[in-house]
Amino acid sequence: MLEKWQAVCHINKLTNSFASNYNVSMKIDNTLKLISSLREEINKSLVSEMNKVGIEGLVPSHGDILSKLFQNGEMPKSQIAESIKKRQVDSYNSY
């Protein structure tokens, strides 16, 4: 009888472990989905607000380019692209 009880307990531990890992994975998936949706809504709102004040044709992703130009003045496109690419790679490596 004790052996059967131990087997049932072992199966329960495995099942709970699987369910726990599954729940963590689901929480991460849901969090990533929420972050993505939030980013999309914020970008839409920013574009709408910029359009209201007469700034048309710009999107939030242009921010990196504008930032580089404000910091350095006139720059060739290749230099802007390289400086943005380098910063993005560095920021990903910091995680």
PDB file of N, CA and C in Angstrom:
ATOM      1  N   MET A   1       0.824  -1.192   0.000  1.00  0.00           N
ATOM      2  CA  MET A   1       0.000   0.000   0.000  1.00  0.00           C
ATOM      3  C   MET A   1       0.871   1.260   0.000  1.00  0.00           C
ATOM      4  N   LEU A   2       1.927   1.237   0.795  1.00  0.00           N
ATOM      5  CA  LEU A   2       2.826   2.387   0.873  1.00  0.00           C
ATOM      6  C   LEU A   2       3.471   2.658  -0.479  1.00  0.00           C
ATOM      7  N   GLU A   3       3.840   1.596  -1.201  1.00  0.00           N
ATOM      8  CA  GLU A   3       4.454   1.768  -2.516  1.00  0.00           C
ATOM      9  C   GLU A   3       3.492   2.436  -3.494  1.00  0.00           C
ATOM     10  N   LYS A   4       2.223   2.038  -3.455  1.00  0.00           N
ATOM     11  CA  LYS A   4       1.221   2.648  -4.339  1.00  0.00           C
ATOM     12  C   LYS A   4       1.060   4.125  -3.998  1.00  0.00           C
ATOM     13  N   TRP A   5       1.050   4.447  -2.710  1.00  0.00           N
ATOM     14  CA  TRP A   5       0.906   5.838  -2.267  1.00  0.00           C
ATOM     15  C   TRP A   5       2.100   6.671  -2.731  1.00  0.00           C
ATOM     16  N   GLN A   6       3.295   6.095  -2.621  1.00  0.00           N
ATOM     17  CA  GLN A   6       4.497   6.785  -3.077  1.00  0.00           C
ATOM     18  C   GLN A   6       4.452   7.012  -4.586  1.00  0.00           C
ATOM     19  N   ALA A   7       3.958   6.035  -5.328  1.00  0.00           N
ATOM     20  CA  ALA A   7       3.834   6.182  -6.782  1.00  0.00           C
ATOM     21  C   ALA A   7       2.837   7.286  -7.125  1.00  0.00           C
ATOM     22  N   VAL A   8       1.724   7.331  -6.433  1.00  0.00           N
ATOM     23  CA  VAL A   8       0.719   8.376  -6.671  1.00  0.00           C
ATOM     24  C   VAL A   8       1.306   9.744  -6.350  1.00  0.00           C
ATOM     25  N   CYS A   9       2.031   9.849  -5.242  1.00  0.00           N
ATOM     26  CA  CYS A   9       2.664  11.120  -4.869  1.00  0.00           C
ATOM     27  C   CYS A   9       3.672  11.546  -5.921  1.00  0.00           C
ATOM     28  N   HIS A  10       4.440  10.605  -6.438  1.00  0.00           N
ATOM     29  CA  HIS A  10       5.430  10.912  -7.468  1.00  0.00           C
ATOM     30  C   HIS A  10       4.746  11.421  -8.739  1.00  0.00           C
ATOM     31  N   ILE A  11       3.665  10.765  -9.144  1.00  0.00           N
ATOM     32  CA  ILE A  11       2.910  11.201 -10.330  1.00  0.00           C
ATOM     33  C   ILE A  11       2.340  12.592 -10.101  1.00  0.00           C
ATOM     34  N   ASN A  12       1.816  12.850  -8.919  1.00  0.00           N
ATOM     35  CA  ASN A  12       1.282  14.179  -8.601  1.00  0.00           C
ATOM     36  C   ASN A  12       2.371  15.247  -8.685  1.00  0.00           C
ATOM     37  N   LYS A  13       3.562  14.934  -8.194  1.00  0.00           N
ATOM     38  CA  LYS A  13       4.665  15.896  -8.272  1.00  0.00           C
ATOM     39  C   LYS A  13       5.013  16.203  -9.722  1.00  0.00           C
ATOM     40  N   LEU A  14       5.076  15.158 -10.546  1.00  0.00           N
ATOM     41  CA  LEU A  14       5.380  15.368 -11.965  1.00  0.00           C
ATOM     42  C   LEU A  14       4.298  16.203 -12.641  1.00  0.00           C
ATOM     43  N   THR A  15       3.049  15.895 -12.346  1.00  0.00           N
ATOM     44  CA  THR A  15       1.935  16.621 -12.943  1.00  0.00           C
ATOM     45  C   THR A  15       1.956  18.078 -12.497  1.00  0.00           C
ATOM     46  N   ASN A  16       2.178  18.299 -11.201  1.00  0.00           N
ATOM     47  CA  ASN A  16       2.222  19.674 -10.694  1.00  0.00           C
ATOM     48  C   ASN A  16       3.397  20.439 -11.273  1.00  0.00           C
ATOM     49  N   SER A  17       4.532  19.764 -11.440  1.00  0.00           N
ATOM     50  CA  SER A  17       5.698  20.407 -12.019  1.00  0.00           C
ATOM     51  C   SER A  17       5.413  20.824 -13.457  1.00  0.00           C
ATOM     52  N   PHE A  18       4.809  19.915 -14.224  1.00  0.00           N
ATOM     53  CA  PHE A  18       4.464  20.233 -15.615  1.00  0.00           C
ATOM     54  C   PHE A  18       3.474  21.389 -15.667  1.00  0.00           C
ATOM     55  N   ALA A  19       2.444  21.335 -14.823  1.00  0.00           N
ATOM     56  CA  ALA A  19       1.427  22.389 -14.810  1.00  0.00           C
ATOM     57  C   ALA A  19       2.052  23.714 -14.408  1.00  0.00           C
ATOM     58  N   SER A  20       2.970  23.674 -13.450  1.00  0.00           N
ATOM     59  CA  SER A  20       3.628  24.894 -13.010  1.00  0.00           C
ATOM     60  C   SER A  20       4.452  25.497 -14.140  1.00  0.00           C
ATOM     61  N   ASN A  21       5.227  24.670 -14.847  1.00  0.00           N
ATOM     62  CA  ASN A  21       6.021  25.163 -15.973  1.00  0.00           C
ATOM     63  C   ASN A  21       5.126  25.685 -17.081  1.00  0.00           C
ATOM     64  N   TYR A  22       4.019  25.014 -17.312  1.00  0.00           N
ATOM     65  CA  TYR A  22       3.073  25.439 -18.336  1.00  0.00           C
ATOM     66  C   TYR A  22       2.491  26.802 -17.962  1.00  0.00           C
ATOM     67  N   ASN A  23       2.132  26.980 -16.696  1.00  0.00           N
ATOM     68  CA  ASN A  23       1.574  28.259 -16.245  1.00  0.00           C
ATOM     69  C   ASN A  23       2.584  29.385 -16.377  1.00  0.00           C
ATOM     70  N   VAL A  24       3.831  29.137 -16.050  1.00  0.00           N
ATOM     71  CA  VAL A  24       4.876  30.150 -16.193  1.00  0.00           C
ATOM     72  C   VAL A  24       5.009  30.533 -17.656  1.00  0.00           C
ATOM     73  N   SER A  25       5.032  29.534 -18.534  1.00  0.00           N
ATOM     74  CA  SER A  25       5.136  29.796 -19.968  1.00  0.00           C
ATOM     75  C   SER A  25       3.946  30.614 -20.454  1.00  0.00           C
ATOM     76  N   MET A  26       2.766  30.279 -19.992  1.00  0.00           N
ATOM     77  CA  MET A  26       1.556  31.019 -20.392  1.00  0.00           C
ATOM     78  C   MET A  26       1.616  32.462 -19.888  1.00  0.00           C
ATOM     79  N   LYS A  27       2.101  32.655 -18.664  1.00  0.00           N
ATOM     80  CA  LYS A  27       2.210  34.003 -18.112  1.00  0.00           C
ATOM     81  C   LYS A  27       3.190  34.835 -18.929  1.00  0.00           C
ATOM     82  N   ILE A  28       4.305  34.225 -19.330  1.00  0.00           N
ATOM     83  CA  ILE A  28       5.291  34.942 -20.143  1.00  0.00           C
ATOM     84  C   ILE A  28       4.688  35.297 -21.491  1.00  0.00           C
ATOM     85  N   ASP A  29       4.001  34.331 -22.120  1.00  0.00           N
ATOM     86  CA  ASP A  29       3.357  34.590 -23.411  1.00  0.00           C
ATOM     87  C   ASP A  29       2.349  35.723 -23.299  1.00  0.00           C
ATOM     88  N   ASN A  30       1.534  35.693 -22.242  1.00  0.00           N
ATOM     89  CA  ASN A  30       0.535  36.739 -22.053  1.00  0.00           C
ATOM     90  C   ASN A  30       1.185  38.094 -21.787  1.00  0.00           C
ATOM     91  N   THR A  31       2.260  38.096 -21.013  1.00  0.00           N
ATOM     92  CA  THR A  31       2.967  39.343 -20.729  1.00  0.00           C
ATOM     93  C   THR A  31       3.542  39.932 -22.006  1.00  0.00           C
ATOM     94  N   LEU A  32       4.161  39.086 -22.828  1.00  0.00           N
ATOM     95  CA  LEU A  32       4.721  39.573 -24.089  1.00  0.00           C
ATOM     96  C   LEU A  32       3.624  40.107 -25.005  1.00  0.00           C
ATOM     97  N   LYS A  33       2.491  39.439 -25.029  1.00  0.00           N
ATOM     98  CA  LYS A  33       1.368  39.906 -25.853  1.00  0.00           C
ATOM     99  C   LYS A  33       0.874  41.263 -25.356  1.00  0.00           C
ATOM    100  N   LEU A  34       0.763  41.406 -24.033  1.00  0.00           N
ATOM    101  CA  LEU A  34       0.323  42.685 -23.472  1.00  0.00           C
ATOM    102  C   LEU A  34       1.316  43.801 -23.776  1.00  0.00           C
ATOM    103  N   ILE A  35       2.597  43.520 -23.654  1.00  0.00           N
ATOM    104  CA  ILE A  35       3.623  44.524 -23.946  1.00  0.00           C
ATOM    105  C   ILE A  35       3.536  44.948 -25.407  1.00  0.00           C
ATOM    106  N   SER A  36       3.387  43.986 -26.291  1.00  0.00           N
ATOM    107  CA  SER A  36       3.289  44.270 -27.712  1.00  0.00           C
ATOM    108  C   SER A  36       2.049  45.116 -28.018  1.00  0.00           C
ATOM    109  N   SER A  37       0.922  44.751 -27.431  1.00  0.00           N
ATOM    110  CA  SER A  37      -0.317  45.509 -27.649  1.00  0.00           C
ATOM    111  C   SER A  37      -0.195  46.923 -27.096  1.00  0.00           C
ATOM    112  N   LEU A  38       0.408  47.048 -25.923  1.00  0.00           N
ATOM    113  CA  LEU A  38       0.595  48.355 -25.312  1.00  0.00           C
ATOM    114  C   LEU A  38       1.490  49.236 -26.177  1.00  0.00           C
ATOM    115  N   ARG A  39       2.568  48.673 -26.664  1.00  0.00           N
ATOM    116  CA  ARG A  39       3.485  49.419 -27.547  1.00  0.00           C
ATOM    117  C   ARG A  39       2.763  49.901 -28.796  1.00  0.00           C
ATOM    118  N   GLU A  40       1.956  49.026 -29.379  1.00  0.00           N
ATOM    119  CA  GLU A  40       1.213  49.389 -30.582  1.00  0.00           C
ATOM    120  C   GLU A  40       0.234  50.533 -30.307  1.00  0.00           C
ATOM    121  N   GLU A  41      -0.471  50.460 -29.187  1.00  0.00           N
ATOM    122  CA  GLU A  41      -1.433  51.516 -28.842  1.00  0.00           C
ATOM    123  C   GLU A  41      -0.731  52.838 -28.542  1.00  0.00           C
ATOM    124  N   ILE A  42       0.396  52.777 -27.848  1.00  0.00           N
ATOM    125  CA  ILE A  42       1.158  53.994 -27.556  1.00  0.00           C
ATOM    126  C   ILE A  42       1.647  54.633 -28.848  1.00  0.00           C
ATOM    127  N   ASN A  43       2.165  53.821 -29.767  1.00  0.00           N
ATOM    128  CA  ASN A  43       2.641  54.351 -31.048  1.00  0.00           C
ATOM    129  C   ASN A  43       1.501  55.006 -31.832  1.00  0.00           C
ATOM    130  N   LYS A  44       0.329  54.367 -31.860  1.00  0.00           N
ATOM    131  CA  LYS A  44      -0.830  54.958 -32.542  1.00  0.00           C
ATOM    132  C   LYS A  44      -1.190  56.302 -31.914  1.00  0.00           C
ATOM    133  N   SER A  45      -1.179  56.343 -30.595  1.00  0.00           N
ATOM    134  CA  SER A  45      -1.521  57.580 -29.884  1.00  0.00           C
ATOM    135  C   SER A  45      -0.500  58.680 -30.170  1.00  0.00           C
ATOM    136  N   LEU A  46       0.790  58.335 -30.170  1.00  0.00           N
ATOM    137  CA  LEU A  46       1.828  59.321 -30.461  1.00  0.00           C
ATOM    138  C   LEU A  46       1.681  59.882 -31.870  1.00  0.00           C
ATOM    139  N   VAL A  47       1.437  59.010 -32.841  1.00  0.00           N
ATOM    140  CA  VAL A  47       1.266  59.450 -34.229  1.00  0.00           C
ATOM    141  C   VAL A  47       0.044  60.357 -34.322  1.00  0.00           C
ATOM    142  N   SER A  48      -1.036  59.997 -33.665  1.00  0.00           N
ATOM    143  CA  SER A  48      -2.254  60.813 -33.679  1.00  0.00           C
ATOM    144  C   SER A  48      -2.000  62.200 -33.084  1.00  0.00           C
ATOM    145  N   GLU A  49      -1.311  62.240 -31.953  1.00  0.00           N
ATOM    146  CA  GLU A  49      -1.022  63.524 -31.302  1.00  0.00           C
ATOM    147  C   GLU A  49      -0.081  64.379 -32.157  1.00  0.00           C
ATOM    148  N   MET A  50       0.902  63.753 -32.787  1.00  0.00           N
ATOM    149  CA  MET A  50       1.804  64.511 -33.661  1.00  0.00           C
ATOM    150  C   MET A  50       1.029  65.079 -34.848  1.00  0.00           C
ATOM    151  N   ASN A  51       0.119  64.295 -35.410  1.00  0.00           N
ATOM    152  CA  ASN A  51      -0.683  64.769 -36.529  1.00  0.00           C
ATOM    153  C   ASN A  51      -1.568  65.948 -36.127  1.00  0.00           C
ATOM    154  N   LYS A  52      -2.082  65.935 -34.915  1.00  0.00           N
ATOM    155  CA  LYS A  52      -2.936  67.022 -34.425  1.00  0.00           C
ATOM    156  C   LYS A  52      -2.202  68.360 -34.388  1.00  0.00           C
ATOM    157  N   VAL A  53      -0.900  68.312 -34.127  1.00  0.00           N
ATOM    158  CA  VAL A  53      -0.125  69.560 -34.052  1.00  0.00           C
ATOM    159  C   VAL A  53       0.644  69.833 -35.345  1.00  0.00           C
ATOM    160  N   GLY A  54       0.283  69.102 -36.394  1.00  0.00           N
ATOM    161  CA  GLY A  54       0.864  69.385 -37.700  1.00  0.00           C
ATOM    162  C   GLY A  54       2.137  68.647 -38.041  1.00  0.00           C
ATOM    163  N   ILE A  55       2.528  67.696 -37.221  1.00  0.00           N
ATOM    164  CA  ILE A  55       3.715  66.897 -37.530  1.00  0.00           C
ATOM    165  C   ILE A  55       3.229  65.634 -38.216  1.00  0.00           C
ATOM    166  N   GLU A  56       3.431  65.589 -39.525  1.00  0.00           N
ATOM    167  CA  GLU A  56       2.948  64.439 -40.292  1.00  0.00           C
ATOM    168  C   GLU A  56       4.115  63.721 -40.952  1.00  0.00           C
ATOM    169  N   GLY A  57       3.962  62.437 -41.158  1.00  0.00           N
ATOM    170  CA  GLY A  57       4.987  61.660 -41.841  1.00  0.00           C
ATOM    171  C   GLY A  57       6.050  61.090 -40.917  1.00  0.00           C
ATOM    172  N   LEU A  58       5.958  61.377 -39.634  1.00  0.00           N
ATOM    173  CA  LEU A  58       6.909  60.821 -38.670  1.00  0.00           C
ATOM    174  C   LEU A  58       6.218  59.750 -37.837  1.00  0.00           C
ATOM    175  N   VAL A  59       6.983  58.751 -37.457  1.00  0.00           N
ATOM    176  CA  VAL A  59       6.489  57.711 -36.555  1.00  0.00           C
ATOM    177  C   VAL A  59       7.484  57.580 -35.408  1.00  0.00           C
ATOM    178  N   PRO A  60       7.068  56.987 -34.290  1.00  0.00           N
ATOM    179  CA  PRO A  60       7.965  56.892 -33.132  1.00  0.00           C
ATOM    180  C   PRO A  60       9.322  56.250 -33.433  1.00  0.00           C
ATOM    181  N   SER A  61       9.379  55.353 -34.395  1.00  0.00           N
ATOM    182  CA  SER A  61      10.664  54.714 -34.696  1.00  0.00           C
ATOM    183  C   SER A  61      11.668  55.682 -35.313  1.00  0.00           C
ATOM    184  N   HIS A  62      11.218  56.838 -35.748  1.00  0.00           N
ATOM    185  CA  HIS A  62      12.141  57.850 -36.263  1.00  0.00           C
ATOM    186  C   HIS A  62      12.887  58.565 -35.130  1.00  0.00           C
ATOM    187  N   GLY A  63      12.492  58.311 -33.904  1.00  0.00           N
ATOM    188  CA  GLY A  63      13.100  58.970 -32.753  1.00  0.00           C
ATOM    189  C   GLY A  63      14.595  58.783 -32.661  1.00  0.00           C
ATOM    190  N   ASP A  64      15.080  57.565 -32.917  1.00  0.00           N
ATOM    191  CA  ASP A  64      16.525  57.302 -32.870  1.00  0.00           C
ATOM    192  C   ASP A  64      17.275  58.163 -33.883  1.00  0.00           C
ATOM    193  N   ILE A  65      16.711  58.272 -35.083  1.00  0.00           N
ATOM    194  CA  ILE A  65      17.353  59.062 -36.143  1.00  0.00           C
ATOM    195  C   ILE A  65      17.390  60.533 -35.741  1.00  0.00           C
ATOM    196  N   LEU A  66      16.245  61.048 -35.288  1.00  0.00           N
ATOM    197  CA  LEU A  66      16.191  62.457 -34.883  1.00  0.00           C
ATOM    198  C   LEU A  66      17.132  62.740 -33.725  1.00  0.00           C
ATOM    199  N   SER A  67      17.198  61.823 -32.794  1.00  0.00           N
ATOM    200  CA  SER A  67      18.093  61.991 -31.649  1.00  0.00           C
ATOM    201  C   SER A  67      19.548  62.113 -32.100  1.00  0.00           C
ATOM    202  N   LYS A  68      19.961  61.241 -33.013  1.00  0.00           N
ATOM    203  CA  LYS A  68      21.339  61.300 -33.525  1.00  0.00           C
ATOM    204  C   LYS A  68      21.607  62.621 -34.239  1.00  0.00           C
ATOM    205  N   LEU A  69      20.637  63.070 -35.011  1.00  0.00           N
ATOM    206  CA  LEU A  69      20.829  64.334 -35.735  1.00  0.00           C
ATOM    207  C   LEU A  69      20.898  65.522 -34.783  1.00  0.00           C
ATOM    208  N   PHE A  70      20.080  65.514 -33.731  1.00  0.00           N
ATOM    209  CA  PHE A  70      20.142  66.606 -32.753  1.00  0.00           C
ATOM    210  C   PHE A  70      21.465  66.590 -31.994  1.00  0.00           C
ATOM    211  N   GLN A  71      21.979  65.409 -31.706  1.00  0.00           N
ATOM    212  CA  GLN A  71      23.239  65.295 -30.974  1.00  0.00           C
ATOM    213  C   GLN A  71      24.440  65.700 -31.825  1.00  0.00           C
ATOM    214  N   ASN A  72      24.435  65.281 -33.091  1.00  0.00           N
ATOM    215  CA  ASN A  72      25.635  65.414 -33.913  1.00  0.00           C
ATOM    216  C   ASN A  72      25.521  66.398 -35.068  1.00  0.00           C
ATOM    217  N   GLY A  73      24.342  66.949 -35.286  1.00  0.00           N
ATOM    218  CA  GLY A  73      24.168  67.797 -36.460  1.00  0.00           C
ATOM    219  C   GLY A  73      24.060  66.943 -37.713  1.00  0.00           C
ATOM    220  N   GLU A  74      24.430  67.534 -38.834  1.00  0.00           N
ATOM    221  CA  GLU A  74      24.332  66.831 -40.111  1.00  0.00           C
ATOM    222  C   GLU A  74      25.201  65.582 -40.117  1.00  0.00           C
ATOM    223  N   MET A  75      24.632  64.481 -40.612  1.00  0.00           N
ATOM    224  CA  MET A  75      25.363  63.214 -40.678  1.00  0.00           C
ATOM    225  C   MET A  75      24.972  62.489 -41.964  1.00  0.00           C
ATOM    226  N   PRO A  76      25.902  61.771 -42.578  1.00  0.00           N
ATOM    227  CA  PRO A  76      25.534  60.938 -43.724  1.00  0.00           C
ATOM    228  C   PRO A  76      24.612  59.795 -43.260  1.00  0.00           C
ATOM    229  N   LYS A  77      23.752  59.346 -44.161  1.00  0.00           N
ATOM    230  CA  LYS A  77      22.818  58.267 -43.823  1.00  0.00           C
ATOM    231  C   LYS A  77      23.548  57.029 -43.316  1.00  0.00           C
ATOM    232  N   SER A  78      24.669  56.710 -43.918  1.00  0.00           N
ATOM    233  CA  SER A  78      25.405  55.506 -43.514  1.00  0.00           C
ATOM    234  C   SER A  78      25.890  55.622 -42.064  1.00  0.00           C
ATOM    235  N   GLN A  79      26.304  56.817 -41.669  1.00  0.00           N
ATOM    236  CA  GLN A  79      26.780  57.023 -40.298  1.00  0.00           C
ATOM    237  C   GLN A  79      25.619  56.937 -39.304  1.00  0.00           C
ATOM    238  N   ILE A  80      24.467  57.487 -39.690  1.00  0.00           N
ATOM    239  CA  ILE A  80      23.280  57.383 -38.829  1.00  0.00           C
ATOM    240  C   ILE A  80      22.909  55.914 -38.650  1.00  0.00           C
ATOM    241  N   ALA A  81      22.853  55.200 -39.772  1.00  0.00           N
ATOM    242  CA  ALA A  81      22.483  53.780 -39.719  1.00  0.00           C
ATOM    243  C   ALA A  81      23.443  52.992 -38.843  1.00  0.00           C
ATOM    244  N   GLU A  82      24.724  53.251 -38.984  1.00  0.00           N
ATOM    245  CA  GLU A  82      25.722  52.533 -38.198  1.00  0.00           C
ATOM    246  C   GLU A  82      25.588  52.866 -36.717  1.00  0.00           C
ATOM    247  N   SER A  83      25.371  54.125 -36.384  1.00  0.00           N
ATOM    248  CA  SER A  83      25.289  54.500 -34.966  1.00  0.00           C
ATOM    249  C   SER A  83      24.032  53.938 -34.314  1.00  0.00           C
ATOM    250  N   ILE A  84      22.948  53.868 -35.051  1.00  0.00           N
ATOM    251  CA  ILE A  84      21.707  53.301 -34.505  1.00  0.00           C
ATOM    252  C   ILE A  84      21.860  51.788 -34.354  1.00  0.00           C
ATOM    253  N   LYS A  85      22.401  51.138 -35.365  1.00  0.00           N
ATOM    254  CA  LYS A  85      22.609  49.692 -35.322  1.00  0.00           C
ATOM    255  C   LYS A  85      23.493  49.311 -34.145  1.00  0.00           C
ATOM    256  N   LYS A  86      24.575  50.034 -33.954  1.00  0.00           N
ATOM    257  CA  LYS A  86      25.508  49.733 -32.872  1.00  0.00           C
ATOM    258  C   LYS A  86      24.834  49.890 -31.516  1.00  0.00           C
ATOM    259  N   ARG A  87      24.063  50.958 -31.335  1.00  0.00           N
ATOM    260  CA  ARG A  87      23.383  51.179 -30.060  1.00  0.00           C
ATOM    261  C   ARG A  87      22.373  50.075 -29.784  1.00  0.00           C
ATOM    262  N   GLN A  88      21.634  49.648 -30.810  1.00  0.00           N
ATOM    263  CA  GLN A  88      20.645  48.603 -30.613  1.00  0.00           C
ATOM    264  C   GLN A  88      21.302  47.275 -30.239  1.00  0.00           C
ATOM    265  N   VAL A  89      22.391  46.945 -30.893  1.00  0.00           N
ATOM    266  CA  VAL A  89      23.093  45.704 -30.574  1.00  0.00           C
ATOM    267  C   VAL A  89      23.622  45.771 -29.150  1.00  0.00           C
ATOM    268  N   ASP A  90      24.201  46.902 -28.755  1.00  0.00           N
ATOM    269  CA  ASP A  90      24.732  47.049 -27.398  1.00  0.00           C
ATOM    270  C   ASP A  90      23.624  46.917 -26.370  1.00  0.00           C
ATOM    271  N   SER A  91      22.447  47.512 -26.632  1.00  0.00           N
ATOM    272  CA  SER A  91      21.377  47.449 -25.643  1.00  0.00           C
ATOM    273  C   SER A  91      20.836  46.035 -25.516  1.00  0.00           C
ATOM    274  N   TYR A  92      20.822  45.243 -26.593  1.00  0.00           N
ATOM    275  CA  TYR A  92      20.366  43.866 -26.500  1.00  0.00           C
ATOM    276  C   TYR A  92      21.376  43.017 -25.731  1.00  0.00           C
ATOM    277  N   ASN A  93      22.654  43.304 -25.896  1.00  0.00           N
ATOM    278  CA  ASN A  93      23.669  42.524 -25.189  1.00  0.00           C
ATOM    279  C   ASN A  93      23.676  42.785 -23.696  1.00  0.00           C
ATOM    280  N   SER A  94      23.105  43.895 -23.262  1.00  0.00           N
ATOM    281  CA  SER A  94      23.116  44.203 -21.824  1.00  0.00           C
ATOM    282  C   SER A  94      22.107  43.369 -21.052  1.00  0.00           C
ATOM    283  N   TYR A  95      21.211  42.670 -21.743  1.00  0.00           N
ATOM    284  CA  TYR A  95      20.242  41.815 -21.052  1.00  0.00           C
ATOM    285  C   TYR A  95      20.905  40.525 -20.768  1.00  0.00           C
TER     286      TYR A  95
END
